[in-house]
């Protein structure tokens, strides 16, 4: 199979957001899981900062730009699919740093990436709106300067930090749209009505996060907040499509499912001294076949 150029991947990725039906963009956390998801027939992939952090024994938000970009580069090089990166808050406060992160992400092989408005500071978890706008403007300018279409996603993080203010979240998304974002994303929305309100209020494709069914595990910088412990609405691809959602990601959910199986097996070993967990394991042959088919 002839290797596709970054320009071809960028055009293809952008086109997925222009269709009437939503698409699922699953989140691998390393090269191996990227190869598996590619084999399964998904159209595009997105990285997960939390999944990457967990493999390094760290909390989400505590990895840093260098190691994050190494992870996204490994994922992008493992697949022919378009890959969008979880670039957290751009790994710095200044708009100049955010712009530099976008350029470095492109060099790593990405054709899209998200920038969030979370500061990482418990005392002030969300950037003031004026600075948040300047950061998205800088990211958009950097993305437009690239020789291919780089799809910039702007994230409004209020709900992940206990600030369940739908009015402010929508206002932020609107301003990020005006600042040049191609896709808008407010992770942690808790109801179907909130998602619908966001979609009605903006003029860009909306990404929705699914798979938040787990106990509270606050992100670095969350203080007394629900953090990433939200439980979102139980909606299907079909239902979200009918609402007008254009992209659905699952964040760290696939990684946490894998870790859940790992912990369950380890618990059986430690507490019971039995090995029944191995019956549920994927076969080595099946895994190798997935890798070789790529």
C-alpha atoms as a PDB file:
ATOM      1  CA  UNK A   1       0.000   0.000   0.000  1.00  0.00           C
ATOM      2  CA  UNK A   2       1.424   3.375  -1.023  1.00  0.00           C
ATOM      3  CA  UNK A   3       2.148   5.654   1.917  1.00  0.00           C
ATOM      4  CA  UNK A   4      -0.150   8.650   2.001  1.00  0.00           C
ATOM      5  CA  UNK A   5       1.155  12.153   2.429  1.00  0.00           C
ATOM      6  CA  UNK A   6       0.350  14.343   5.391  1.00  0.00           C
ATOM      7  CA  UNK A   7      -1.583  16.603   3.055  1.00  0.00           C
ATOM      8  CA  UNK A   8      -3.747  13.710   1.910  1.00  0.00           C
ATOM      9  CA  UNK A   9      -4.376  12.646   5.497  1.00  0.00           C
ATOM     10  CA  UNK A  10      -5.161  16.213   6.515  1.00  0.00           C
ATOM     11  CA  UNK A  11      -7.712  16.652   3.725  1.00  0.00           C
ATOM     12  CA  UNK A  12      -9.287  13.299   4.503  1.00  0.00           C
ATOM     13  CA  UNK A  13      -9.539  14.017   8.217  1.00  0.00           C
ATOM     14  CA  UNK A  14     -11.173  17.386   7.659  1.00  0.00           C
ATOM     15  CA  UNK A  15     -13.692  15.839   5.270  1.00  0.00           C
ATOM     16  CA  UNK A  16     -14.917  13.447   7.970  1.00  0.00           C
ATOM     17  CA  UNK A  17     -16.210  16.443   9.937  1.00  0.00           C
ATOM     18  CA  UNK A  18     -18.218  17.686   6.956  1.00  0.00           C
ATOM     19  CA  UNK A  19     -20.452  14.634   6.649  1.00  0.00           C
ATOM     20  CA  UNK A  20     -24.009  14.412   7.951  1.00  0.00           C
ATOM     21  CA  UNK A  21     -23.170  11.456  10.180  1.00  0.00           C
ATOM     22  CA  UNK A  22     -20.862  11.428  13.185  1.00  0.00           C
ATOM     23  CA  UNK A  23     -17.748   9.287  13.203  1.00  0.00           C
ATOM     24  CA  UNK A  24     -16.034   7.591  16.135  1.00  0.00           C
ATOM     25  CA  UNK A  25     -12.389   8.469  16.649  1.00  0.00           C
ATOM     26  CA  UNK A  26     -10.996   5.967  19.194  1.00  0.00           C
ATOM     27  CA  UNK A  27      -7.987   6.758  21.359  1.00  0.00           C
ATOM     28  CA  UNK A  28      -4.979   4.410  21.305  1.00  0.00           C
ATOM     29  CA  UNK A  29      -2.264   5.005  23.867  1.00  0.00           C
ATOM     30  CA  UNK A  30       0.721   3.479  22.054  1.00  0.00           C
ATOM     31  CA  UNK A  31       1.848   2.156  18.675  1.00  0.00           C
ATOM     32  CA  UNK A  32       0.490  -1.338  19.296  1.00  0.00           C
ATOM     33  CA  UNK A  33      -3.042  -0.237  20.122  1.00  0.00           C
ATOM     34  CA  UNK A  34      -2.927   2.144  17.158  1.00  0.00           C
ATOM     35  CA  UNK A  35      -2.139  -0.796  14.876  1.00  0.00           C
ATOM     36  CA  UNK A  36      -4.994  -2.813  16.358  1.00  0.00           C
ATOM     37  CA  UNK A  37      -7.544  -0.048  15.877  1.00  0.00           C
ATOM     38  CA  UNK A  38      -6.315   0.486  12.326  1.00  0.00           C
ATOM     39  CA  UNK A  39      -6.780  -3.229  11.633  1.00  0.00           C
ATOM     40  CA  UNK A  40     -10.342  -3.028  12.962  1.00  0.00           C
ATOM     41  CA  UNK A  41     -11.309  -0.496  10.316  1.00  0.00           C
ATOM     42  CA  UNK A  42     -11.628   2.841  12.092  1.00  0.00           C
ATOM     43  CA  UNK A  43     -11.211   5.922   9.916  1.00  0.00           C
ATOM     44  CA  UNK A  44      -9.021   8.064  12.167  1.00  0.00           C
ATOM     45  CA  UNK A  45      -7.368   7.974  15.580  1.00  0.00           C
ATOM     46  CA  UNK A  46      -6.813  10.421  18.422  1.00  0.00           C
ATOM     47  CA  UNK A  47      -4.198  10.169  21.139  1.00  0.00           C
ATOM     48  CA  UNK A  48      -4.994  10.264  24.855  1.00  0.00           C
ATOM     49  CA  UNK A  49      -2.887  12.207  27.320  1.00  0.00           C
ATOM     50  CA  UNK A  50      -4.279  10.187  30.236  1.00  0.00           C
ATOM     51  CA  UNK A  51      -3.593   6.859  28.534  1.00  0.00           C
ATOM     52  CA  UNK A  52      -0.036   7.920  27.804  1.00  0.00           C
ATOM     53  CA  UNK A  53       0.422   9.142  31.376  1.00  0.00           C
ATOM     54  CA  UNK A  54      -0.849   5.876  32.839  1.00  0.00           C
ATOM     55  CA  UNK A  55       1.709   3.854  30.865  1.00  0.00           C
ATOM     56  CA  UNK A  56       4.400   6.032  32.458  1.00  0.00           C
ATOM     57  CA  UNK A  57       2.982   5.691  35.967  1.00  0.00           C
ATOM     58  CA  UNK A  58       1.911   9.320  36.123  1.00  0.00           C
ATOM     59  CA  UNK A  59      -1.242  11.406  36.453  1.00  0.00           C
ATOM     60  CA  UNK A  60      -2.765  13.009  33.413  1.00  0.00           C
ATOM     61  CA  UNK A  61      -1.212  16.407  32.823  1.00  0.00           C
ATOM     62  CA  UNK A  62       2.141  15.474  34.375  1.00  0.00           C
ATOM     63  CA  UNK A  63       4.048  14.089  31.377  1.00  0.00           C
ATOM     64  CA  UNK A  64       5.331  17.177  29.570  1.00  0.00           C
ATOM     65  CA  UNK A  65       5.657  18.148  25.931  1.00  0.00           C
ATOM     66  CA  UNK A  66       8.737  16.151  24.942  1.00  0.00           C
ATOM     67  CA  UNK A  67       7.434  12.778  26.075  1.00  0.00           C
ATOM     68  CA  UNK A  68       3.923  13.518  24.838  1.00  0.00           C
ATOM     69  CA  UNK A  69       5.175  14.343  21.353  1.00  0.00           C
ATOM     70  CA  UNK A  70       7.299  11.186  21.356  1.00  0.00           C
ATOM     71  CA  UNK A  71       4.134   9.219  22.085  1.00  0.00           C
ATOM     72  CA  UNK A  72       2.080  10.893  19.354  1.00  0.00           C
ATOM     73  CA  UNK A  73       4.912  10.439  16.864  1.00  0.00           C
ATOM     74  CA  UNK A  74       5.033   6.709  17.636  1.00  0.00           C
ATOM     75  CA  UNK A  75       1.280   6.442  17.124  1.00  0.00           C
ATOM     76  CA  UNK A  76       1.270   8.496  13.909  1.00  0.00           C
ATOM     77  CA  UNK A  77       4.101   6.402  12.449  1.00  0.00           C
ATOM     78  CA  UNK A  78       2.318   3.141  13.327  1.00  0.00           C
ATOM     79  CA  UNK A  79      -0.741   3.800  11.148  1.00  0.00           C
ATOM     80  CA  UNK A  80      -1.762   5.147   7.771  1.00  0.00           C
ATOM     81  CA  UNK A  81      -4.836   6.719   9.334  1.00  0.00           C
ATOM     82  CA  UNK A  82      -5.101  10.432  10.119  1.00  0.00           C
ATOM     83  CA  UNK A  83      -4.140  11.075  13.746  1.00  0.00           C
ATOM     84  CA  UNK A  84      -5.224  13.972  15.939  1.00  0.00           C
ATOM     85  CA  UNK A  85      -3.302  14.682  19.131  1.00  0.00           C
ATOM     86  CA  UNK A  86      -4.365  15.466  22.664  1.00  0.00           C
ATOM     87  CA  UNK A  87      -2.023  18.423  23.137  1.00  0.00           C
ATOM     88  CA  UNK A  88      -3.430  19.315  26.558  1.00  0.00           C
ATOM     89  CA  UNK A  89      -3.085  23.072  27.153  1.00  0.00           C
ATOM     90  CA  UNK A  90      -0.249  23.439  24.676  1.00  0.00           C
ATOM     91  CA  UNK A  91       2.340  22.803  27.420  1.00  0.00           C
ATOM     92  CA  UNK A  92       2.676  26.415  28.367  1.00  0.00           C
ATOM     93  CA  UNK A  93       0.673  29.499  29.153  1.00  0.00           C
ATOM     94  CA  UNK A  94       1.873  31.898  26.479  1.00  0.00           C
ATOM     95  CA  UNK A  95       0.279  31.989  23.032  1.00  0.00           C
ATOM     96  CA  UNK A  96       3.783  31.664  21.565  1.00  0.00           C
ATOM     97  CA  UNK A  97       4.319  28.352  23.349  1.00  0.00           C
ATOM     98  CA  UNK A  98       0.949  27.060  22.155  1.00  0.00           C
ATOM     99  CA  UNK A  99       1.822  27.981  18.547  1.00  0.00           C
ATOM    100  CA  UNK A 100       5.165  26.218  18.874  1.00  0.00           C
ATOM    101  CA  UNK A 101       3.400  23.100  20.162  1.00  0.00           C
ATOM    102  CA  UNK A 102       1.121  23.054  17.116  1.00  0.00           C
ATOM    103  CA  UNK A 103       4.128  23.246  14.777  1.00  0.00           C
ATOM    104  CA  UNK A 104       5.944  20.506  16.694  1.00  0.00           C
ATOM    105  CA  UNK A 105       2.830  18.313  16.615  1.00  0.00           C
ATOM    106  CA  UNK A 106       2.697  18.677  12.835  1.00  0.00           C
ATOM    107  CA  UNK A 107       6.350  17.687  12.614  1.00  0.00           C
ATOM    108  CA  UNK A 108       5.506  14.607  14.680  1.00  0.00           C
ATOM    109  CA  UNK A 109       3.045  13.489  11.995  1.00  0.00           C
ATOM    110  CA  UNK A 110      -0.288  14.739  13.307  1.00  0.00           C
ATOM    111  CA  UNK A 111      -2.969  16.273  11.084  1.00  0.00           C
ATOM    112  CA  UNK A 112      -4.984  17.659  13.966  1.00  0.00           C
ATOM    113  CA  UNK A 113      -4.773  18.491  17.630  1.00  0.00           C
ATOM    114  CA  UNK A 114      -6.671  19.927  20.555  1.00  0.00           C
ATOM    115  CA  UNK A 115      -5.817  22.833  22.826  1.00  0.00           C
ATOM    116  CA  UNK A 116      -7.671  23.163  26.120  1.00  0.00           C
ATOM    117  CA  UNK A 117      -8.275  26.163  28.337  1.00  0.00           C
ATOM    118  CA  UNK A 118      -7.250  24.425  31.578  1.00  0.00           C
ATOM    119  CA  UNK A 119      -4.282  25.919  33.419  1.00  0.00           C
ATOM    120  CA  UNK A 120      -3.183  22.946  35.514  1.00  0.00           C
ATOM    121  CA  UNK A 121      -3.354  25.150  38.616  1.00  0.00           C
ATOM    122  CA  UNK A 122      -5.820  24.145  41.372  1.00  0.00           C
ATOM    123  CA  UNK A 123      -6.338  27.734  42.517  1.00  0.00           C
ATOM    124  CA  UNK A 124      -7.272  28.909  39.005  1.00  0.00           C
ATOM    125  CA  UNK A 125      -8.116  25.859  36.869  1.00  0.00           C
ATOM    126  CA  UNK A 126      -9.421  27.704  33.790  1.00  0.00           C
ATOM    127  CA  UNK A 127      -7.612  30.455  31.880  1.00  0.00           C
ATOM    128  CA  UNK A 128      -9.214  33.919  31.864  1.00  0.00           C
ATOM    129  CA  UNK A 129     -11.207  34.264  28.678  1.00  0.00           C
ATOM    130  CA  UNK A 130      -9.022  36.933  27.065  1.00  0.00           C
ATOM    131  CA  UNK A 131      -5.872  34.852  27.423  1.00  0.00           C
ATOM    132  CA  UNK A 132      -7.715  31.685  26.371  1.00  0.00           C
ATOM    133  CA  UNK A 133      -8.792  33.430  23.158  1.00  0.00           C
ATOM    134  CA  UNK A 134      -5.251  34.620  22.434  1.00  0.00           C
ATOM    135  CA  UNK A 135      -3.992  31.060  22.868  1.00  0.00           C
ATOM    136  CA  UNK A 136      -6.513  29.678  20.354  1.00  0.00           C
ATOM    137  CA  UNK A 137      -5.751  32.508  17.935  1.00  0.00           C
ATOM    138  CA  UNK A 138      -2.044  31.650  18.105  1.00  0.00           C
ATOM    139  CA  UNK A 139      -2.782  27.944  17.616  1.00  0.00           C
ATOM    140  CA  UNK A 140      -5.020  28.701  14.626  1.00  0.00           C
ATOM    141  CA  UNK A 141      -2.407  30.961  13.045  1.00  0.00           C
ATOM    142  CA  UNK A 142       0.237  28.256  13.446  1.00  0.00           C
ATOM    143  CA  UNK A 143      -2.106  25.642  11.988  1.00  0.00           C
ATOM    144  CA  UNK A 144      -2.926  27.832   8.956  1.00  0.00           C
ATOM    145  CA  UNK A 145       0.780  28.343   8.274  1.00  0.00           C
ATOM    146  CA  UNK A 146       1.328  24.616   7.709  1.00  0.00           C
ATOM    147  CA  UNK A 147       1.531  23.172   4.182  1.00  0.00           C
ATOM    148  CA  UNK A 148      -1.473  20.898   4.851  1.00  0.00           C
ATOM    149  CA  UNK A 149      -4.850  21.124   6.570  1.00  0.00           C
ATOM    150  CA  UNK A 150      -4.382  20.811  10.313  1.00  0.00           C
ATOM    151  CA  UNK A 151      -7.713  20.477  12.117  1.00  0.00           C
ATOM    152  CA  UNK A 152      -7.584  22.515  15.312  1.00  0.00           C
ATOM    153  CA  UNK A 153      -9.927  21.529  18.117  1.00  0.00           C
ATOM    154  CA  UNK A 154     -10.581  24.024  20.932  1.00  0.00           C
ATOM    155  CA  UNK A 155     -11.607  22.564  24.275  1.00  0.00           C
ATOM    156  CA  UNK A 156     -13.628  24.303  26.994  1.00  0.00           C
ATOM    157  CA  UNK A 157     -12.752  22.427  30.182  1.00  0.00           C
ATOM    158  CA  UNK A 158     -15.237  23.893  32.676  1.00  0.00           C
ATOM    159  CA  UNK A 159     -17.108  20.652  33.329  1.00  0.00           C
ATOM    160  CA  UNK A 160     -13.966  18.637  34.044  1.00  0.00           C
ATOM    161  CA  UNK A 161     -13.100  21.007  36.873  1.00  0.00           C
ATOM    162  CA  UNK A 162     -16.426  21.230  38.658  1.00  0.00           C
ATOM    163  CA  UNK A 163     -17.532  24.405  36.875  1.00  0.00           C
ATOM    164  CA  UNK A 164     -20.844  23.213  35.430  1.00  0.00           C
ATOM    165  CA  UNK A 165     -21.684  26.556  33.863  1.00  0.00           C
ATOM    166  CA  UNK A 166     -23.263  25.830  30.508  1.00  0.00           C
ATOM    167  CA  UNK A 167     -23.686  29.503  29.616  1.00  0.00           C
ATOM    168  CA  UNK A 168     -20.002  30.257  30.143  1.00  0.00           C
ATOM    169  CA  UNK A 169     -18.975  27.057  28.363  1.00  0.00           C
ATOM    170  CA  UNK A 170     -21.015  27.976  25.300  1.00  0.00           C
ATOM    171  CA  UNK A 171     -19.683  31.540  25.376  1.00  0.00           C
ATOM    172  CA  UNK A 172     -16.141  30.216  25.455  1.00  0.00           C
ATOM    173  CA  UNK A 173     -16.770  27.827  22.569  1.00  0.00           C
ATOM    174  CA  UNK A 174     -18.258  30.644  20.495  1.00  0.00           C
ATOM    175  CA  UNK A 175     -15.220  32.838  21.085  1.00  0.00           C
ATOM    176  CA  UNK A 176     -12.874  29.962  20.256  1.00  0.00           C
ATOM    177  CA  UNK A 177     -14.810  29.504  17.024  1.00  0.00           C
ATOM    178  CA  UNK A 178     -14.249  33.156  16.197  1.00  0.00           C
ATOM    179  CA  UNK A 179     -10.584  32.761  17.143  1.00  0.00           C
ATOM    180  CA  UNK A 180     -10.129  30.158  14.394  1.00  0.00           C
ATOM    181  CA  UNK A 181     -10.927  26.729  15.840  1.00  0.00           C
ATOM    182  CA  UNK A 182     -12.136  24.131  13.330  1.00  0.00           C
ATOM    183  CA  UNK A 183     -13.813  21.817  15.869  1.00  0.00           C
ATOM    184  CA  UNK A 184     -15.307  22.582  19.291  1.00  0.00           C
ATOM    185  CA  UNK A 185     -15.250  20.309  22.318  1.00  0.00           C
ATOM    186  CA  UNK A 186     -16.567  20.594  25.883  1.00  0.00           C
ATOM    187  CA  UNK A 187     -15.660  17.320  27.599  1.00  0.00           C
ATOM    188  CA  UNK A 188     -17.738  16.260  30.575  1.00  0.00           C
ATOM    189  CA  UNK A 189     -21.182  17.498  29.521  1.00  0.00           C
ATOM    190  CA  UNK A 190     -23.602  15.531  31.663  1.00  0.00           C
ATOM    191  CA  UNK A 191     -26.900  15.464  29.766  1.00  0.00           C
ATOM    192  CA  UNK A 192     -28.318  15.100  26.286  1.00  0.00           C
ATOM    193  CA  UNK A 193     -29.846  18.556  26.670  1.00  0.00           C
ATOM    194  CA  UNK A 194     -26.470  20.154  27.379  1.00  0.00           C
ATOM    195  CA  UNK A 195     -24.945  18.556  24.301  1.00  0.00           C
ATOM    196  CA  UNK A 196     -27.880  19.717  22.177  1.00  0.00           C
ATOM    197  CA  UNK A 197     -27.566  23.260  23.543  1.00  0.00           C
ATOM    198  CA  UNK A 198     -23.893  23.400  22.573  1.00  0.00           C
ATOM    199  CA  UNK A 199     -24.596  22.148  19.064  1.00  0.00           C
ATOM    200  CA  UNK A 200     -27.369  24.715  18.556  1.00  0.00           C
ATOM    201  CA  UNK A 201     -25.149  27.537  19.770  1.00  0.00           C
ATOM    202  CA  UNK A 202     -22.083  27.119  17.573  1.00  0.00           C
ATOM    203  CA  UNK A 203     -21.235  26.977  13.901  1.00  0.00           C
ATOM    204  CA  UNK A 204     -18.462  24.397  13.911  1.00  0.00           C
ATOM    205  CA  UNK A 205     -18.404  20.604  14.132  1.00  0.00           C
ATOM    206  CA  UNK A 206     -18.736  19.436  17.730  1.00  0.00           C
ATOM    207  CA  UNK A 207     -16.779  16.589  19.323  1.00  0.00           C
ATOM    208  CA  UNK A 208     -18.433  14.748  22.203  1.00  0.00           C
ATOM    209  CA  UNK A 209     -16.605  12.619  24.757  1.00  0.00           C
ATOM    210  CA  UNK A 210     -18.185   9.290  25.667  1.00  0.00           C
ATOM    211  CA  UNK A 211     -17.017   6.585  28.057  1.00  0.00           C
ATOM    212  CA  UNK A 212     -16.807   8.643  31.276  1.00  0.00           C
ATOM    213  CA  UNK A 213     -18.381   5.915  33.399  1.00  0.00           C
ATOM    214  CA  UNK A 214     -15.844   5.601  36.197  1.00  0.00           C
ATOM    215  CA  UNK A 215     -15.159   6.913  39.726  1.00  0.00           C
ATOM    216  CA  UNK A 216     -13.733  10.380  40.186  1.00  0.00           C
ATOM    217  CA  UNK A 217     -10.060  10.670  39.315  1.00  0.00           C
ATOM    218  CA  UNK A 218      -9.321  14.392  39.202  1.00  0.00           C
ATOM    219  CA  UNK A 219      -6.954  15.641  36.545  1.00  0.00           C
ATOM    220  CA  UNK A 220      -3.770  17.357  37.648  1.00  0.00           C
ATOM    221  CA  UNK A 221      -4.804  20.826  38.719  1.00  0.00           C
ATOM    222  CA  UNK A 222      -8.336  19.882  39.757  1.00  0.00           C
ATOM    223  CA  UNK A 223      -9.060  20.831  43.355  1.00  0.00           C
ATOM    224  CA  UNK A 224     -12.230  19.620  44.980  1.00  0.00           C
ATOM    225  CA  UNK A 225     -13.694  19.177  41.523  1.00  0.00           C
ATOM    226  CA  UNK A 226     -15.338  16.207  39.959  1.00  0.00           C
ATOM    227  CA  UNK A 227     -12.365  16.153  37.623  1.00  0.00           C
ATOM    228  CA  UNK A 228     -12.519  13.300  35.133  1.00  0.00           C
ATOM    229  CA  UNK A 229     -15.015  11.429  37.251  1.00  0.00           C
ATOM    230  CA  UNK A 230     -18.090  12.622  35.395  1.00  0.00           C
ATOM    231  CA  UNK A 231     -20.626  10.132  34.132  1.00  0.00           C
ATOM    232  CA  UNK A 232     -21.891  11.331  30.802  1.00  0.00           C
ATOM    233  CA  UNK A 233     -25.197  10.476  29.153  1.00  0.00           C
ATOM    234  CA  UNK A 234     -25.681   6.998  27.704  1.00  0.00           C
ATOM    235  CA  UNK A 235     -26.114   7.810  24.026  1.00  0.00           C
ATOM    236  CA  UNK A 236     -25.291   5.753  20.941  1.00  0.00           C
ATOM    237  CA  UNK A 237     -23.529   6.738  17.744  1.00  0.00           C
ATOM    238  CA  UNK A 238     -26.899   6.889  16.006  1.00  0.00           C
ATOM    239  CA  UNK A 239     -28.462   9.095  18.662  1.00  0.00           C
ATOM    240  CA  UNK A 240     -25.511  11.480  18.741  1.00  0.00           C
ATOM    241  CA  UNK A 241     -25.530  11.701  14.946  1.00  0.00           C
ATOM    242  CA  UNK A 242     -29.208  12.609  14.922  1.00  0.00           C
ATOM    243  CA  UNK A 243     -28.467  15.381  17.421  1.00  0.00           C
ATOM    244  CA  UNK A 244     -25.870  16.878  15.090  1.00  0.00           C
ATOM    245  CA  UNK A 245     -22.663  15.677  16.737  1.00  0.00           C
ATOM    246  CA  UNK A 246     -19.938  15.218  14.151  1.00  0.00           C
ATOM    247  CA  UNK A 247     -17.156  13.448  16.085  1.00  0.00           C
ATOM    248  CA  UNK A 248     -17.123  11.103  19.078  1.00  0.00           C
ATOM    249  CA  UNK A 249     -14.000  10.315  21.079  1.00  0.00           C
ATOM    250  CA  UNK A 250     -13.563   8.099  24.136  1.00  0.00           C
ATOM    251  CA  UNK A 251     -10.513   9.649  25.802  1.00  0.00           C
ATOM    252  CA  UNK A 252      -8.786   7.226  28.141  1.00  0.00           C
ATOM    253  CA  UNK A 253     -11.729   4.782  28.243  1.00  0.00           C
ATOM    254  CA  UNK A 254     -10.111   2.047  26.139  1.00  0.00           C
ATOM    255  CA  UNK A 255      -6.918   2.278  28.188  1.00  0.00           C
ATOM    256  CA  UNK A 256      -8.896   2.093  31.420  1.00  0.00           C
ATOM    257  CA  UNK A 257     -10.796  -0.940  30.155  1.00  0.00           C
ATOM    258  CA  UNK A 258      -7.464  -2.659  29.480  1.00  0.00           C
ATOM    259  CA  UNK A 259      -6.147  -1.650  32.903  1.00  0.00           C
ATOM    260  CA  UNK A 260      -9.363  -2.868  34.492  1.00  0.00           C
ATOM    261  CA  UNK A 261      -8.797  -6.334  32.979  1.00  0.00           C
ATOM    262  CA  UNK A 262      -5.155  -6.227  34.119  1.00  0.00           C
ATOM    263  CA  UNK A 263      -6.094  -5.339  37.698  1.00  0.00           C
ATOM    264  CA  UNK A 264      -8.820  -7.988  37.794  1.00  0.00           C
ATOM    265  CA  UNK A 265      -6.350 -10.652  36.645  1.00  0.00           C
ATOM    266  CA  UNK A 266      -3.706  -9.496  39.112  1.00  0.00           C
ATOM    267  CA  UNK A 267      -6.270  -9.576  41.921  1.00  0.00           C
ATOM    268  CA  UNK A 268      -7.143 -13.172  41.046  1.00  0.00           C
ATOM    269  CA  UNK A 269      -3.453 -14.096  41.181  1.00  0.00           C
ATOM    270  CA  UNK A 270      -2.878 -12.380  44.508  1.00  0.00           C
ATOM    271  CA  UNK A 271      -6.063 -13.245  46.368  1.00  0.00           C
ATOM    272  CA  UNK A 272      -7.030 -16.630  44.960  1.00  0.00           C
ATOM    273  CA  UNK A 273      -3.869 -18.033  43.443  1.00  0.00           C
ATOM    274  CA  UNK A 274      -5.780 -19.167  40.356  1.00  0.00           C
ATOM    275  CA  UNK A 275      -5.326 -18.473  36.664  1.00  0.00           C
ATOM    276  CA  UNK A 276      -8.795 -18.375  35.159  1.00  0.00           C
ATOM    277  CA  UNK A 277      -8.179 -14.874  33.852  1.00  0.00           C
ATOM    278  CA  UNK A 278      -6.039 -16.337  31.055  1.00  0.00           C
ATOM    279  CA  UNK A 279      -9.190 -17.724  29.417  1.00  0.00           C
ATOM    280  CA  UNK A 280     -10.247 -14.146  28.665  1.00  0.00           C
ATOM    281  CA  UNK A 281      -6.900 -13.109  27.184  1.00  0.00           C
ATOM    282  CA  UNK A 282      -6.492 -12.281  23.506  1.00  0.00           C
ATOM    283  CA  UNK A 283      -4.440 -14.922  21.739  1.00  0.00           C
ATOM    284  CA  UNK A 284      -0.875 -14.168  20.735  1.00  0.00           C
ATOM    285  CA  UNK A 285      -1.706 -15.305  17.210  1.00  0.00           C
ATOM    286  CA  UNK A 286      -4.600 -12.858  16.930  1.00  0.00           C
ATOM    287  CA  UNK A 287      -2.460  -9.962  18.132  1.00  0.00           C
ATOM    288  CA  UNK A 288       0.411 -10.808  15.783  1.00  0.00           C
ATOM    289  CA  UNK A 289      -1.993 -11.139  12.849  1.00  0.00           C
ATOM    290  CA  UNK A 290      -3.233  -7.617  13.509  1.00  0.00           C
ATOM    291  CA  UNK A 291       0.293  -6.249  13.528  1.00  0.00           C
ATOM    292  CA  UNK A 292       1.346  -8.129  10.383  1.00  0.00           C
ATOM    293  CA  UNK A 293      -1.746  -7.101   8.433  1.00  0.00           C
ATOM    294  CA  UNK A 294      -0.657  -3.475   8.653  1.00  0.00           C
END
